[in-house]
Amino acid sequence: MHFGRLGRGELVAAVGGLLLAIGLFAPWYRTDPSNPNADIDGATGDFSAWDVHTALRWLLLAAAIAPLILIWIVIRDHELSWARGEMTAVVAIAAFGLVAYTGLLDRPGEPKGAISLQWGYWGALLGTILMVGGGAVAAGQTERTRKPPGVL
């Protein structure tokens, strides 16, 4: 294993993955205590993404693991058919879309205006952005091997 092969892009993506993973268990939503009708699934208070999103939590947890897989690939010097970091960036873009949608466009609970976003949501969103940036930087630093014409 060669830890010296790790670049800035891989490390930034790993920090983003850790932020996303921690953010899943931190408070994302808070019901308005002054509004007696504000609730998420019949309950009031603070809620994490892990509490509220039953299917999405597994997708986001898998996305948070992607940078760790990238680090494993880099330190083990595995051969890939694509630029290293490219798949991490793609997974992170999908995770960003899911996190942004669930927080900004389709918040759980009723009424929507009485549900506020908390620090865990913003940390998870920042984590996905760091994953995109780190994966893109890692992919940009990888030199692609050229093939002769006519070879797939």
C-alpha atoms as a PDB file:
ATOM      1  CA  MET A   1       0.000   0.000   0.000  1.00  0.00           C
ATOM      2  CA  HIS A   2       1.297   3.405  -1.009  1.00  0.00           C
ATOM      3  CA  PHE A   3      -0.264   6.263   0.938  1.00  0.00           C
ATOM      4  CA  GLY A   4       2.074   8.683  -0.824  1.00  0.00           C
ATOM      5  CA  ARG A   5      -0.015   8.326  -3.987  1.00  0.00           C
ATOM      6  CA  LEU A   6      -2.970  10.056  -2.358  1.00  0.00           C
ATOM      7  CA  GLY A   7      -3.514  13.497  -3.789  1.00  0.00           C
ATOM      8  CA  ARG A   8      -5.417  16.528  -2.611  1.00  0.00           C
ATOM      9  CA  GLY A   9      -8.496  15.519  -4.617  1.00  0.00           C
ATOM     10  CA  GLU A  10      -8.833  12.143  -2.935  1.00  0.00           C
ATOM     11  CA  LEU A  11      -8.422  13.683   0.521  1.00  0.00           C
ATOM     12  CA  VAL A  12     -10.983  16.433  -0.138  1.00  0.00           C
ATOM     13  CA  ALA A  13     -13.453  13.826  -1.424  1.00  0.00           C
ATOM     14  CA  ALA A  14     -12.857  11.702   1.703  1.00  0.00           C
ATOM     15  CA  VAL A  15     -13.546  14.688   3.976  1.00  0.00           C
ATOM     16  CA  GLY A  16     -16.750  15.280   2.006  1.00  0.00           C
ATOM     17  CA  GLY A  17     -17.757  11.644   2.415  1.00  0.00           C
ATOM     18  CA  LEU A  18     -17.206  11.871   6.173  1.00  0.00           C
ATOM     19  CA  LEU A  19     -19.270  15.071   6.338  1.00  0.00           C
ATOM     20  CA  LEU A  20     -22.077  13.381   4.424  1.00  0.00           C
ATOM     21  CA  ALA A  21     -21.986  10.324   6.694  1.00  0.00           C
ATOM     22  CA  ILE A  22     -21.982  12.433   9.877  1.00  0.00           C
ATOM     23  CA  GLY A  23     -24.671  14.676   8.447  1.00  0.00           C
ATOM     24  CA  LEU A  24     -27.002  11.726   7.932  1.00  0.00           C
ATOM     25  CA  PHE A  25     -27.244  11.240  11.697  1.00  0.00           C
ATOM     26  CA  ALA A  26     -27.283  14.934  12.664  1.00  0.00           C
ATOM     27  CA  PRO A  27     -30.481  17.038  12.767  1.00  0.00           C
ATOM     28  CA  TRP A  28     -31.761  17.963   9.305  1.00  0.00           C
ATOM     29  CA  TYR A  29     -35.252  19.215  10.092  1.00  0.00           C
ATOM     30  CA  ARG A  30     -36.911  21.019  13.002  1.00  0.00           C
ATOM     31  CA  THR A  31     -40.609  21.620  13.435  1.00  0.00           C
ATOM     32  CA  ASP A  32     -41.697  25.115  14.459  1.00  0.00           C
ATOM     33  CA  PRO A  33     -42.434  24.930  18.206  1.00  0.00           C
ATOM     34  CA  SER A  34     -44.812  27.911  18.013  1.00  0.00           C
ATOM     35  CA  ASN A  35     -47.000  26.126  15.445  1.00  0.00           C
ATOM     36  CA  PRO A  36     -49.035  23.304  17.047  1.00  0.00           C
ATOM     37  CA  ASN A  37     -49.854  21.863  13.600  1.00  0.00           C
ATOM     38  CA  ALA A  38     -46.214  21.489  12.509  1.00  0.00           C
ATOM     39  CA  ASP A  39     -45.167  17.853  12.492  1.00  0.00           C
ATOM     40  CA  ILE A  40     -43.196  15.238  10.601  1.00  0.00           C
ATOM     41  CA  ASP A  41     -44.983  11.893  10.565  1.00  0.00           C
ATOM     42  CA  GLY A  42     -47.059  12.970  13.565  1.00  0.00           C
ATOM     43  CA  ALA A  43     -44.090  13.976  15.746  1.00  0.00           C
ATOM     44  CA  THR A  44     -42.467  17.293  16.599  1.00  0.00           C
ATOM     45  CA  GLY A  45     -38.882  18.297  17.353  1.00  0.00           C
ATOM     46  CA  ASP A  46     -35.578  17.671  15.571  1.00  0.00           C
ATOM     47  CA  PHE A  47     -35.203  14.932  12.977  1.00  0.00           C
ATOM     48  CA  SER A  48     -32.178  13.507  11.179  1.00  0.00           C
ATOM     49  CA  ALA A  49     -32.187  12.205   7.633  1.00  0.00           C
ATOM     50  CA  TRP A  50     -31.737   8.731   9.094  1.00  0.00           C
ATOM     51  CA  ASP A  51     -35.022   9.149  11.010  1.00  0.00           C
ATOM     52  CA  VAL A  52     -37.082  10.602   8.177  1.00  0.00           C
ATOM     53  CA  HIS A  53     -35.888   9.125   4.868  1.00  0.00           C
ATOM     54  CA  THR A  54     -36.146   5.330   4.989  1.00  0.00           C
ATOM     55  CA  ALA A  55     -34.860   4.530   1.488  1.00  0.00           C
ATOM     56  CA  LEU A  56     -32.772   7.631   0.847  1.00  0.00           C
ATOM     57  CA  ARG A  57     -30.630   7.032   3.929  1.00  0.00           C
ATOM     58  CA  TRP A  58     -29.127   3.881   2.411  1.00  0.00           C
ATOM     59  CA  LEU A  59     -28.394   5.594  -0.910  1.00  0.00           C
ATOM     60  CA  LEU A  60     -26.669   8.506   0.812  1.00  0.00           C
ATOM     61  CA  LEU A  61     -24.694   6.178   3.077  1.00  0.00           C
ATOM     62  CA  ALA A  62     -23.490   4.272   0.011  1.00  0.00           C
ATOM     63  CA  ALA A  63     -22.549   7.577  -1.628  1.00  0.00           C
ATOM     64  CA  ALA A  64     -20.559   8.563   1.475  1.00  0.00           C
ATOM     65  CA  ILE A  65     -18.512   5.364   1.111  1.00  0.00           C
ATOM     66  CA  ALA A  66     -17.507   6.167  -2.502  1.00  0.00           C
ATOM     67  CA  PRO A  67     -14.501   8.371  -1.565  1.00  0.00           C
ATOM     68  CA  LEU A  68     -13.208   5.653   0.754  1.00  0.00           C
ATOM     69  CA  ILE A  69     -13.345   3.207  -2.145  1.00  0.00           C
ATOM     70  CA  LEU A  70     -11.430   5.772  -4.220  1.00  0.00           C
ATOM     71  CA  ILE A  71      -8.721   5.943  -1.554  1.00  0.00           C
ATOM     72  CA  TRP A  72      -8.529   2.144  -1.502  1.00  0.00           C
ATOM     73  CA  ILE A  73      -8.102   2.089  -5.286  1.00  0.00           C
ATOM     74  CA  VAL A  74      -5.359   4.733  -5.165  1.00  0.00           C
ATOM     75  CA  ILE A  75      -3.281   3.244  -2.349  1.00  0.00           C
ATOM     76  CA  ARG A  76      -3.530  -0.262  -3.838  1.00  0.00           C
ATOM     77  CA  ASP A  77      -2.694   1.087  -7.329  1.00  0.00           C
ATOM     78  CA  HIS A  78      -5.534  -0.745  -9.058  1.00  0.00           C
ATOM     79  CA  GLU A  79      -5.890  -0.402 -12.824  1.00  0.00           C
ATOM     80  CA  LEU A  80      -9.127   1.220 -13.923  1.00  0.00           C
ATOM     81  CA  SER A  81     -10.741   1.651 -17.308  1.00  0.00           C
ATOM     82  CA  TRP A  82     -11.788   5.181 -16.336  1.00  0.00           C
ATOM     83  CA  ALA A  83     -10.004   8.096 -14.690  1.00  0.00           C
ATOM     84  CA  ARG A  84      -9.743   7.565 -10.952  1.00  0.00           C
ATOM     85  CA  GLY A  85     -12.076   9.916  -9.127  1.00  0.00           C
ATOM     86  CA  GLU A  86     -14.487  10.061 -12.044  1.00  0.00           C
ATOM     87  CA  MET A  87     -16.979   7.603 -10.567  1.00  0.00           C
ATOM     88  CA  THR A  88     -16.746   9.314  -7.161  1.00  0.00           C
ATOM     89  CA  ALA A  89     -17.665  12.617  -8.806  1.00  0.00           C
ATOM     90  CA  VAL A  90     -20.633  11.032 -10.601  1.00  0.00           C
ATOM     91  CA  VAL A  91     -21.925   9.432  -7.382  1.00  0.00           C
ATOM     92  CA  ALA A  92     -21.446  12.739  -5.556  1.00  0.00           C
ATOM     93  CA  ILE A  93     -23.419  14.648  -8.189  1.00  0.00           C
ATOM     94  CA  ALA A  94     -26.312  12.222  -7.738  1.00  0.00           C
ATOM     95  CA  ALA A  95     -26.061  12.550  -3.939  1.00  0.00           C
ATOM     96  CA  PHE A  96     -26.027  16.345  -4.226  1.00  0.00           C
ATOM     97  CA  GLY A  97     -29.207  16.227  -6.305  1.00  0.00           C
ATOM     98  CA  LEU A  98     -30.948  13.985  -3.772  1.00  0.00           C
ATOM     99  CA  VAL A  99     -29.907  16.077  -0.773  1.00  0.00           C
ATOM    100  CA  ALA A 100     -30.787  19.376  -2.464  1.00  0.00           C
ATOM    101  CA  TYR A 101     -34.180  18.067  -3.585  1.00  0.00           C
ATOM    102  CA  THR A 102     -35.196  16.694  -0.193  1.00  0.00           C
ATOM    103  CA  GLY A 103     -34.211  19.844   1.655  1.00  0.00           C
ATOM    104  CA  LEU A 104     -34.954  22.671  -0.707  1.00  0.00           C
ATOM    105  CA  LEU A 105     -37.850  21.425  -2.829  1.00  0.00           C
ATOM    106  CA  ASP A 106     -39.661  18.607  -1.004  1.00  0.00           C
ATOM    107  CA  ARG A 107     -39.253  18.844   2.757  1.00  0.00           C
ATOM    108  CA  PRO A 108     -41.077  16.254   4.803  1.00  0.00           C
ATOM    109  CA  GLY A 109     -43.822  17.256   7.209  1.00  0.00           C
ATOM    110  CA  GLU A 110     -46.724  19.641   7.220  1.00  0.00           C
ATOM    111  CA  PRO A 111     -46.976  22.567   6.747  1.00  0.00           C
ATOM    112  CA  LYS A 112     -43.812  22.902   4.683  1.00  0.00           C
ATOM    113  CA  GLY A 113     -43.198  26.471   5.840  1.00  0.00           C
ATOM    114  CA  ALA A 114     -43.075  25.345   9.481  1.00  0.00           C
ATOM    115  CA  ILE A 115     -40.223  22.872   8.886  1.00  0.00           C
ATOM    116  CA  SER A 116     -36.774  24.467   9.058  1.00  0.00           C
ATOM    117  CA  LEU A 117     -33.423  23.085   7.913  1.00  0.00           C
ATOM    118  CA  GLN A 118     -30.772  22.401  10.550  1.00  0.00           C
ATOM    119  CA  TRP A 119     -26.967  22.156  10.575  1.00  0.00           C
ATOM    120  CA  GLY A 120     -26.875  18.456   9.663  1.00  0.00           C
ATOM    121  CA  TYR A 121     -28.559  19.166   6.334  1.00  0.00           C
ATOM    122  CA  TRP A 122     -26.098  21.926   5.454  1.00  0.00           C
ATOM    123  CA  GLY A 123     -23.171  19.729   6.496  1.00  0.00           C
ATOM    124  CA  ALA A 124     -24.389  16.896   4.272  1.00  0.00           C
ATOM    125  CA  LEU A 125     -24.886  19.301   1.365  1.00  0.00           C
ATOM    126  CA  LEU A 126     -21.367  20.680   1.853  1.00  0.00           C
ATOM    127  CA  GLY A 127     -20.075  17.103   1.997  1.00  0.00           C
ATOM    128  CA  THR A 128     -21.553  16.292  -1.395  1.00  0.00           C
ATOM    129  CA  ILE A 129     -20.028  19.459  -2.865  1.00  0.00           C
ATOM    130  CA  LEU A 130     -16.602  18.514  -1.482  1.00  0.00           C
ATOM    131  CA  MET A 131     -17.014  15.015  -2.920  1.00  0.00           C
ATOM    132  CA  VAL A 132     -17.798  16.426  -6.372  1.00  0.00           C
ATOM    133  CA  GLY A 133     -14.845  18.788  -6.260  1.00  0.00           C
ATOM    134  CA  GLY A 134     -12.407  16.215  -4.900  1.00  0.00           C
ATOM    135  CA  GLY A 135     -13.493  13.569  -7.383  1.00  0.00           C
ATOM    136  CA  ALA A 136     -13.197  16.013 -10.268  1.00  0.00           C
ATOM    137  CA  VAL A 137      -9.719  17.101  -9.179  1.00  0.00           C
ATOM    138  CA  ALA A 138      -8.618  13.468  -8.842  1.00  0.00           C
ATOM    139  CA  ALA A 139     -10.052  12.639 -12.262  1.00  0.00           C
ATOM    140  CA  GLY A 140      -8.307  15.639 -13.802  1.00  0.00           C
ATOM    141  CA  GLN A 141      -4.923  14.541 -12.470  1.00  0.00           C
ATOM    142  CA  THR A 142      -5.192  11.057 -13.951  1.00  0.00           C
ATOM    143  CA  GLU A 143      -3.533  10.623 -17.293  1.00  0.00           C
ATOM    144  CA  ARG A 144      -5.612   8.572 -19.704  1.00  0.00           C
ATOM    145  CA  THR A 145      -3.807   5.958 -21.728  1.00  0.00           C
ATOM    146  CA  ARG A 146      -4.157   6.399 -25.453  1.00  0.00           C
ATOM    147  CA  LYS A 147      -5.128   3.502 -27.653  1.00  0.00           C
ATOM    148  CA  PRO A 148      -4.243   3.020 -31.278  1.00  0.00           C
ATOM    149  CA  PRO A 149      -6.971   3.787 -33.817  1.00  0.00           C
ATOM    150  CA  GLY A 150      -9.546   1.048 -34.277  1.00  0.00           C
ATOM    151  CA  VAL A 151      -9.145  -0.400 -30.759  1.00  0.00           C
ATOM    152  CA  LEU A 152     -12.081  -0.222 -28.362  1.00  0.00           C
END
